Amino acid sequence: MLPQSTLLLLTQKFPFESGEEFLVPELKRLNREFDRIILIPTAVRDFSIQRATPKNVLVHKIKNPENPVEVAFLIVKHLLEFLPLVRGQLKNGVWNLGLLKYWAYHIPFALQIRNELEAFLKKEENLTFYSYWVDTNAFALSLLKLRYPQITYVVRTHGGDLYDERSSTGQIAFRKSIYEGAAAIWPISAHGEEYIGRNYPEYQRKVKLARLGSEDFGIGPLSTEDQFYQIVSCSSTIPLKRVDLIAQLMLKSELPIRWIHFGGEKEPFDQLLKTLGDGRLGLEVVWKGKVANEALMDFYSSNFVDALINLSISEGVPVSMMEAISFGIPVFANRVGGIGEIVVEDTGCLVENGLTVKELVAVFDHWIKSGKTRESAFRLGVRRFWELNFNAEVNHSGFFQKLNESPEDTQF
């Protein structure tokens, strides 16, 4: 009898705290492919509340160092390995003070993660390792691979862990070490696939597009008598997301708009609203903030939304857009990262990045005034595009068939 198949899935916080909600539909399909799944979150501060997971999913907690004393302890503990690894990273290319600080924290922590993963190898068989990000977890897997060449690990890569310009240190740390050891590298967008092929052609054979997907909650309302255009934004409020630019667009638009924002922290949003002054006639602003994903899906299901808007500086292919178009909601967004793969003529309005507020307003108002967002046939077409390209049942099921194949059998 073959030993049960086990997937060790390394995450940042899931199933604790908030974030990585897009892992939920993927985990549901993983549940069909493996006898057992062990989630290993490594960036959790608060373990008190755990989100629901399927029955065969276990959780192994790894505490991350939270202060300089704990970091120093790990460095001393792993000093004989730490110093050669730092030298190895220095040889990999350009470095700076920010990277040195990053390595000082993440290299010893990666060694700690590796040691905990090694304990699984010593007592179990038929293990597959999967890092949901190209991050410290993935680096730990590359270190494990050096000790145990027979293991298989694969990595997903999204946006912040893919594009060097998104990194605070100017480059994705440990990328070459991670790519070198991985059996497969799965970017979530064709843009990401092309980025790796162009910048790291030596790993092209390992790269395969593996899109994310969202669940099917049915189509939303197809018509409305509302005199206000209901526009939704759904993101954190960090500068990268440029919610301030959305606010300026809403303020300068000549249309009657109800702008509803989901996600992020209230304080920066309130500060943002202060910059708008007294607003304008015909503009309502509604703050929803962080809500459970179920609540957001219920909102889309029962409310007519003219459009989802996103003006981020950089993106992969946002799950927030997948969720919106699954309800037939069009999207207004700028062309960055992989957004051009989901915002097309059939699903919304894609504008070039770098437009001024005045230019954005002109395009946005013209698009909304055209009446397209309120045409039932158009919204049905938006939904159809989702069915063909971003349905979780289709995308994730095929993905996990590849995951279970050995590297020798998988053609990239």
Protein backbone atom coordinates (compact mmCIF):
# COMPACT_ATOMS: atom_id res chain seq x y z
CA MET A 1 0.00 0.00 0.00
CA LEU A 2 1.38 3.41 -0.99
CA PRO A 3 1.93 5.95 1.80
CA GLN A 4 -0.67 8.69 1.88
CA SER A 5 0.17 11.70 -0.24
CA THR A 6 0.88 14.83 1.77
CA LEU A 7 1.22 18.40 0.58
CA LEU A 8 3.11 20.85 2.76
CA LEU A 9 1.81 24.27 1.73
CA LEU A 10 3.82 27.23 3.00
CA THR A 11 1.89 30.49 3.32
CA GLN A 12 2.51 33.86 4.89
CA LYS A 13 -0.48 34.03 7.24
CA PHE A 14 -3.28 31.78 6.03
CA PRO A 15 -5.31 30.39 7.81
CA PHE A 16 -4.72 33.07 10.49
CA GLU A 17 -5.30 36.82 10.55
CA SER A 18 -6.40 38.36 7.24
CA GLY A 19 -5.04 38.11 3.71
CA GLU A 20 -4.46 35.33 1.19
CA GLU A 21 -8.22 34.84 0.87
CA PHE A 22 -7.64 33.79 -2.73
CA LEU A 23 -6.08 30.60 -1.38
CA VAL A 24 -9.51 29.34 -0.27
CA PRO A 25 -10.80 28.16 -3.68
CA GLU A 26 -7.39 26.66 -4.44
CA LEU A 27 -7.31 24.79 -1.15
CA LYS A 28 -10.71 23.31 -1.88
CA ARG A 29 -9.34 21.70 -5.07
CA LEU A 30 -6.10 20.66 -3.38
CA ASN A 31 -8.28 18.76 -0.96
CA ARG A 32 -9.28 16.43 -3.82
CA GLU A 33 -5.72 15.79 -4.97
CA PHE A 34 -3.94 14.95 -1.72
CA ASP A 35 -4.79 12.67 1.17
CA ARG A 36 -3.57 15.28 3.59
CA ILE A 37 -2.52 18.93 3.49
CA ILE A 38 -0.37 20.65 6.09
CA LEU A 39 -0.55 24.44 6.06
CA ILE A 40 2.60 26.14 7.35
CA PRO A 41 2.16 29.91 7.88
CA THR A 42 5.35 31.73 8.82
CA ALA A 43 4.46 35.44 9.19
CA VAL A 44 1.68 35.28 11.79
CA ARG A 45 1.59 37.61 14.78
CA ASP A 46 -1.76 36.48 16.19
CA PHE A 47 -2.62 32.78 16.25
CA SER A 48 -5.81 33.28 18.30
CA ILE A 49 -8.34 33.09 15.45
CA GLN A 50 -8.08 30.37 12.83
CA ARG A 51 -10.18 30.39 9.68
CA ALA A 52 -12.12 27.30 8.65
CA THR A 53 -10.34 24.75 6.46
CA PRO A 54 -11.32 21.38 4.94
CA LYS A 55 -11.24 18.28 7.17
CA ASN A 56 -7.98 16.82 5.94
CA VAL A 57 -6.09 20.09 6.41
CA LEU A 58 -3.75 20.39 9.38
CA VAL A 59 -1.80 23.43 10.53
CA HIS A 60 1.84 23.53 11.65
CA LYS A 61 2.78 26.83 13.27
CA ILE A 62 6.22 28.38 12.88
CA LYS A 63 6.83 31.48 14.98
CA ASN A 64 8.76 34.21 13.21
CA PRO A 65 11.32 36.37 15.04
CA GLU A 66 9.66 39.57 16.23
CA ASN A 67 12.55 41.63 17.61
CA PRO A 68 16.32 42.13 17.18
CA VAL A 69 17.12 39.82 20.10
CA GLU A 70 15.27 36.91 18.49
CA VAL A 71 16.92 37.63 15.13
CA ALA A 72 20.37 37.75 16.77
CA PHE A 73 19.66 34.42 18.48
CA LEU A 74 18.85 32.79 15.13
CA ILE A 75 21.99 34.25 13.52
CA VAL A 76 24.19 32.86 16.29
CA LYS A 77 22.36 29.53 16.20
CA HIS A 78 22.93 29.17 12.45
CA LEU A 79 26.19 31.14 12.18
CA LEU A 80 28.19 28.41 10.40
CA GLU A 81 25.61 28.32 7.59
CA PHE A 82 24.57 31.97 7.73
CA LEU A 83 27.93 33.47 6.72
CA PRO A 84 28.48 31.29 3.61
CA LEU A 85 24.90 32.00 2.49
CA VAL A 86 25.46 35.75 2.79
CA ARG A 87 28.65 35.41 0.74
CA GLY A 88 26.72 33.41 -1.84
CA GLN A 89 24.06 36.11 -2.13
CA LEU A 90 26.76 38.77 -2.53
CA LYS A 91 28.15 36.85 -5.49
CA ASN A 92 24.71 36.70 -7.13
CA GLY A 93 24.77 40.33 -8.18
CA VAL A 94 24.12 43.89 -7.08
CA TRP A 95 23.53 44.45 -3.38
CA ASN A 96 22.75 47.38 -1.11
CA LEU A 97 22.26 48.19 2.57
CA GLY A 98 18.57 47.36 2.35
CA LEU A 99 19.37 43.88 1.06
CA LEU A 100 21.96 43.30 3.80
CA LYS A 101 19.33 44.11 6.43
CA TYR A 102 16.85 41.87 4.66
CA TRP A 103 19.31 38.97 4.57
CA ALA A 104 20.18 39.45 8.26
CA TYR A 105 16.55 38.70 9.12
CA HIS A 106 15.42 36.30 6.44
CA ILE A 107 18.44 34.01 5.97
CA PRO A 108 18.53 32.75 9.59
CA PHE A 109 14.74 32.51 9.61
CA ALA A 110 14.83 30.48 6.38
CA LEU A 111 17.30 28.12 8.04
CA GLN A 112 14.91 27.74 10.96
CA ILE A 113 12.02 26.96 8.59
CA ARG A 114 14.20 24.47 6.72
CA ASN A 115 14.98 22.62 9.94
CA GLU A 116 11.30 22.29 10.79
CA LEU A 117 10.53 20.99 7.30
CA GLU A 118 13.40 18.53 7.62
CA ALA A 119 11.64 17.00 10.63
CA PHE A 120 8.72 16.03 8.36
CA LEU A 121 11.10 14.37 5.89
CA LYS A 122 12.65 12.27 8.62
CA LYS A 123 9.36 10.69 9.66
CA GLU A 124 7.16 10.70 6.54
CA GLU A 125 7.16 9.72 2.87
CA ASN A 126 5.42 10.88 -0.31
CA LEU A 127 5.71 14.59 0.49
CA THR A 128 5.29 17.46 -1.95
CA PHE A 129 6.34 20.98 -0.96
CA TYR A 130 4.57 24.06 -2.29
CA SER A 131 5.40 27.68 -1.49
CA TYR A 132 2.59 30.06 -2.32
CA TRP A 133 5.06 32.90 -2.81
CA VAL A 134 8.64 33.40 -3.95
CA ASP A 135 9.72 34.49 -0.49
CA THR A 136 11.55 33.31 2.61
CA ASN A 137 9.49 30.12 2.61
CA ALA A 138 10.59 29.32 -0.92
CA PHE A 139 14.19 30.08 0.01
CA ALA A 140 13.87 27.64 2.92
CA LEU A 141 12.73 25.00 0.42
CA SER A 142 15.77 25.69 -1.76
CA LEU A 143 17.98 25.15 1.30
CA LEU A 144 16.13 21.91 2.07
CA LYS A 145 16.69 20.79 -1.52
CA LEU A 146 20.46 21.21 -1.07
CA ARG A 147 20.34 18.67 1.74
CA TYR A 148 17.75 16.39 0.16
CA PRO A 149 18.09 16.53 -3.64
CA GLN A 150 15.28 13.99 -4.07
CA ILE A 151 12.54 16.32 -2.78
CA THR A 152 10.13 18.14 -5.09
CA TYR A 153 9.05 21.70 -4.46
CA VAL A 154 7.08 24.12 -6.60
CA VAL A 155 6.43 27.84 -6.24
CA ARG A 156 3.71 30.24 -7.27
CA THR A 157 4.61 33.82 -8.05
CA HIS A 158 2.21 36.76 -8.16
CA GLY A 159 3.31 40.40 -8.37
CA GLY A 160 5.10 41.66 -5.30
CA ASP A 161 7.24 38.52 -5.28
CA LEU A 162 7.93 38.65 -9.02
CA TYR A 163 8.74 42.17 -10.22
CA ASP A 164 11.98 43.66 -8.92
CA GLU A 165 10.52 47.17 -9.01
CA ARG A 166 7.89 46.11 -6.47
CA SER A 167 10.54 45.16 -3.90
CA SER A 168 11.64 47.67 -1.26
CA THR A 169 15.21 46.42 -1.72
CA GLY A 170 15.20 46.83 -5.51
CA GLN A 171 15.26 43.12 -6.27
CA ILE A 172 13.48 39.92 -5.28
CA ALA A 173 15.77 38.34 -2.70
CA PHE A 174 16.95 34.75 -3.17
CA ARG A 175 15.25 34.51 -6.57
CA LYS A 176 18.00 32.56 -8.34
CA SER A 177 18.44 30.10 -5.47
CA ILE A 178 14.68 29.50 -5.41
CA TYR A 179 14.32 29.11 -9.17
CA GLU A 180 17.35 26.82 -9.34
CA GLY A 181 15.91 24.26 -6.95
CA ALA A 182 12.24 24.46 -7.95
CA ALA A 183 10.70 21.70 -10.04
CA ALA A 184 8.21 24.22 -11.41
CA ILE A 185 7.60 27.97 -11.28
CA TRP A 186 3.99 29.04 -11.72
CA PRO A 187 3.31 32.74 -12.44
CA ILE A 188 -0.34 33.78 -12.23
CA SER A 189 -0.23 35.89 -15.40
CA ALA A 190 1.09 35.65 -18.94
CA HIS A 191 2.82 38.97 -18.25
CA GLY A 192 4.66 37.30 -15.35
CA GLU A 193 5.49 34.29 -17.50
CA GLU A 194 7.01 36.59 -20.12
CA TYR A 195 8.86 38.60 -17.45
CA ILE A 196 10.64 35.50 -16.13
CA GLY A 197 11.41 34.26 -19.64
CA ARG A 198 12.91 37.61 -20.63
CA ASN A 199 14.94 38.21 -17.47
CA TYR A 200 15.75 34.65 -16.41
CA PRO A 201 15.77 32.60 -19.63
CA GLU A 202 17.82 29.83 -18.02
CA TYR A 203 14.71 28.85 -16.03
CA GLN A 204 12.19 29.13 -18.87
CA ARG A 205 11.71 25.35 -19.07
CA LYS A 206 10.35 25.37 -15.51
CA VAL A 207 7.86 28.17 -16.07
CA LYS A 208 4.19 27.48 -16.75
CA LEU A 209 1.27 29.90 -16.59
CA ALA A 210 -1.10 28.90 -13.77
CA ARG A 211 -3.90 31.42 -13.38
CA LEU A 212 -5.80 31.92 -10.17
CA GLY A 213 -9.57 31.74 -10.21
CA SER A 214 -12.59 32.73 -8.16
CA GLU A 215 -15.66 30.80 -7.06
CA ASP A 216 -18.98 30.88 -8.88
CA PHE A 217 -21.65 32.75 -6.91
CA GLY A 218 -23.84 33.36 -9.93
CA ILE A 219 -24.41 36.57 -11.84
CA GLY A 220 -25.40 39.79 -10.12
CA PRO A 221 -28.30 42.13 -10.98
CA LEU A 222 -28.39 43.02 -14.68
CA SER A 223 -30.33 46.27 -14.46
CA THR A 224 -30.99 49.21 -12.17
CA GLU A 225 -33.10 52.36 -11.97
CA ASP A 226 -30.60 54.10 -9.69
CA GLN A 227 -29.78 57.63 -10.84
CA PHE A 228 -26.36 57.32 -9.22
CA TYR A 229 -23.61 55.28 -10.81
CA GLN A 230 -22.40 52.83 -8.18
CA ILE A 231 -18.61 52.45 -8.39
CA VAL A 232 -16.71 50.03 -6.15
CA SER A 233 -13.02 49.89 -5.29
CA CYS A 234 -11.63 46.91 -3.42
CA SER A 235 -8.05 47.00 -2.12
CA SER A 236 -5.85 47.95 0.77
CA THR A 237 -5.17 51.65 1.25
CA ILE A 238 -1.37 51.45 0.92
CA PRO A 239 0.21 53.97 -1.51
CA LEU A 240 0.79 51.25 -4.13
CA LYS A 241 -2.98 50.96 -4.63
CA ARG A 242 -3.41 54.68 -5.38
CA VAL A 243 -6.81 54.99 -3.76
CA ASP A 244 -6.03 58.71 -3.61
CA LEU A 245 -6.05 58.81 -7.42
CA ILE A 246 -9.43 57.10 -7.45
CA ALA A 247 -10.66 59.74 -5.01
CA GLN A 248 -9.45 62.55 -7.26
CA LEU A 249 -11.17 60.96 -10.24
CA MET A 250 -14.43 60.65 -8.29
CA LEU A 251 -14.15 64.28 -7.19
CA LYS A 252 -13.48 65.67 -10.67
CA SER A 253 -16.05 63.53 -12.48
CA GLU A 254 -19.23 65.28 -13.59
CA LEU A 255 -21.36 62.18 -13.02
CA PRO A 256 -23.62 61.37 -10.06
CA ILE A 257 -21.53 58.72 -8.30
CA ARG A 258 -21.80 56.59 -5.21
CA TRP A 259 -18.25 55.42 -4.51
CA ILE A 260 -17.99 52.44 -2.17
CA HIS A 261 -14.61 51.26 -0.91
CA PHE A 262 -13.92 47.79 0.51
CA GLY A 263 -10.64 46.93 2.24
CA GLY A 264 -7.78 48.67 3.98
CA GLU A 265 -7.55 50.70 7.16
CA LYS A 266 -10.00 53.47 8.01
CA GLU A 267 -7.49 56.04 9.27
CA PRO A 268 -5.61 56.52 5.97
CA PHE A 269 -8.94 56.55 4.15
CA ASP A 270 -10.27 59.27 6.47
CA GLN A 271 -7.08 61.27 5.89
CA LEU A 272 -7.63 60.86 2.19
CA LEU A 273 -11.19 62.16 2.43
CA LYS A 274 -9.95 65.28 4.22
CA THR A 275 -7.91 66.14 1.14
CA LEU A 276 -11.15 66.17 -0.85
CA GLY A 277 -12.46 69.09 1.17
CA ASP A 278 -16.23 69.40 1.01
CA GLY A 279 -16.45 67.04 -1.94
CA ARG A 280 -18.99 67.96 -4.59
CA LEU A 281 -22.67 67.71 -5.33
CA GLY A 282 -23.52 64.33 -6.77
CA LEU A 283 -20.77 62.40 -4.98
CA GLU A 284 -21.48 59.99 -2.13
CA VAL A 285 -18.58 58.20 -0.46
CA VAL A 286 -19.21 54.99 1.49
CA TRP A 287 -16.50 53.30 3.56
CA LYS A 288 -16.96 49.55 4.06
CA GLY A 289 -13.39 48.69 5.03
CA LYS A 290 -12.32 45.16 5.82
CA VAL A 291 -15.19 42.73 5.49
CA ALA A 292 -15.38 38.96 5.24
CA ASN A 293 -15.16 37.70 1.68
CA GLU A 294 -18.65 36.22 2.08
CA ALA A 295 -20.02 39.69 2.84
CA LEU A 296 -18.42 41.14 -0.29
CA MET A 297 -19.85 38.33 -2.43
CA ASP A 298 -23.29 38.93 -0.90
CA PHE A 299 -22.99 42.61 -1.76
CA TYR A 300 -22.15 41.87 -5.40
CA SER A 301 -24.94 39.32 -5.59
CA SER A 302 -27.66 41.66 -4.34
CA ASN A 303 -26.52 45.12 -5.52
CA PHE A 304 -26.09 46.53 -9.01
CA VAL A 305 -22.52 47.78 -9.40
CA ASP A 306 -21.74 49.82 -12.51
CA ALA A 307 -18.01 49.15 -12.32
CA LEU A 308 -15.08 48.08 -10.20
CA ILE A 309 -12.20 50.56 -10.38
CA ASN A 310 -8.48 49.89 -9.81
CA LEU A 311 -5.64 52.34 -10.50
CA SER A 312 -2.74 50.57 -8.77
CA ILE A 313 0.88 51.31 -9.64
CA SER A 314 1.57 47.60 -10.11
CA GLU A 315 -0.47 44.39 -10.05
CA GLY A 316 -0.41 40.75 -11.05
CA VAL A 317 -3.93 39.72 -12.01
CA PRO A 318 -6.09 40.87 -9.07
CA VAL A 319 -8.52 38.33 -7.63
CA SER A 320 -10.76 41.30 -6.79
CA MET A 321 -11.27 41.72 -10.55
CA MET A 322 -11.95 38.00 -11.05
CA GLU A 323 -14.62 38.15 -8.36
CA ALA A 324 -16.22 41.25 -9.87
CA ILE A 325 -16.43 39.97 -13.44
CA SER A 326 -17.87 36.66 -12.19
CA PHE A 327 -20.95 38.71 -11.26
CA GLY A 328 -20.95 40.48 -14.63
CA ILE A 329 -19.48 43.68 -13.18
CA PRO A 330 -17.23 45.56 -15.66
CA VAL A 331 -13.82 46.90 -14.62
CA PHE A 332 -12.11 50.26 -15.17
CA ALA A 333 -8.34 49.97 -14.69
CA ASN A 334 -4.94 51.09 -15.91
CA ARG A 335 -2.58 48.90 -17.90
CA VAL A 336 -0.01 47.56 -15.42
CA GLY A 337 1.29 44.04 -14.79
CA GLY A 338 -1.18 41.40 -15.90
CA ILE A 339 -4.28 43.59 -15.76
CA GLY A 340 -4.49 43.68 -19.55
CA GLU A 341 -5.24 39.94 -19.42
CA ILE A 342 -8.48 40.44 -17.50
CA VAL A 343 -9.57 43.97 -18.48
CA VAL A 344 -10.24 43.76 -22.20
CA GLU A 345 -12.85 45.21 -24.53
CA ASP A 346 -15.30 42.50 -23.47
CA THR A 347 -14.93 43.17 -19.75
CA GLY A 348 -14.38 46.88 -19.25
CA CYS A 349 -12.18 49.86 -20.00
CA LEU A 350 -8.38 49.65 -19.92
CA VAL A 351 -6.47 52.93 -19.86
CA GLU A 352 -2.78 53.56 -20.28
CA ASN A 353 -0.79 54.02 -17.10
CA GLY A 354 0.45 57.53 -16.36
CA LEU A 355 -2.60 59.52 -17.46
CA THR A 356 -3.31 62.77 -15.63
CA VAL A 357 -6.40 63.09 -13.46
CA LYS A 358 -8.01 65.23 -16.16
CA GLU A 359 -7.33 62.58 -18.80
CA LEU A 360 -8.61 59.79 -16.56
CA VAL A 361 -11.81 61.69 -15.85
CA ALA A 362 -12.43 62.28 -19.56
CA VAL A 363 -12.06 58.57 -20.40
CA PHE A 364 -14.01 57.39 -17.35
CA ASP A 365 -16.95 59.77 -17.84
CA HIS A 366 -17.16 58.97 -21.55
CA TRP A 367 -17.16 55.22 -20.85
CA ILE A 368 -19.84 55.44 -18.17
CA LYS A 369 -21.99 57.84 -20.22
CA SER A 370 -21.90 55.40 -23.14
CA GLY A 371 -24.31 53.24 -21.15
CA LYS A 372 -22.29 50.10 -21.75
CA THR A 373 -22.02 49.19 -18.06
CA ARG A 374 -25.83 49.08 -17.86
CA GLU A 375 -26.39 46.90 -20.91
CA SER A 376 -27.52 43.42 -19.87
CA ALA A 377 -25.92 41.81 -22.92
CA PHE A 378 -22.56 43.41 -22.13
CA ARG A 379 -22.69 42.30 -18.50
CA LEU A 380 -23.54 38.76 -19.58
CA GLY A 381 -20.48 38.90 -21.82
CA VAL A 382 -18.35 40.00 -18.87
CA ARG A 383 -19.58 36.98 -16.96
CA ARG A 384 -18.88 34.71 -19.94
CA PHE A 385 -15.27 35.93 -20.10
CA TRP A 386 -14.86 34.94 -16.45
CA GLU A 387 -16.30 31.48 -17.13
CA LEU A 388 -13.76 30.91 -19.89
CA ASN A 389 -10.70 32.35 -18.16
CA PHE A 390 -10.96 32.74 -14.38
CA ASN A 391 -13.31 30.06 -13.08
CA ALA A 392 -11.64 28.44 -10.05
CA GLU A 393 -13.09 25.03 -10.86
CA VAL A 394 -11.39 25.07 -14.26
CA ASN A 395 -8.12 26.80 -13.38
CA HIS A 396 -7.28 25.11 -10.11
CA SER A 397 -8.32 21.60 -11.10
CA GLY A 398 -5.91 21.57 -14.05
CA PHE A 399 -3.22 23.18 -11.91
CA PHE A 400 -3.20 20.41 -9.35
CA GLN A 401 -3.05 17.67 -11.95
CA LYS A 402 0.30 19.17 -12.97
CA LEU A 403 1.33 19.51 -9.33
CA ASN A 404 0.97 15.77 -8.75
CA GLU A 405 3.10 14.86 -11.76
CA SER A 406 6.80 14.25 -11.28
CA PRO A 407 9.19 16.82 -12.79
CA GLU A 408 10.30 14.23 -15.37
CA ASP A 409 6.72 13.74 -16.57
CA THR A 410 5.78 17.41 -16.64
CA GLN A 411 6.54 19.28 -19.85
CA PHE A 412 7.23 23.00 -19.51
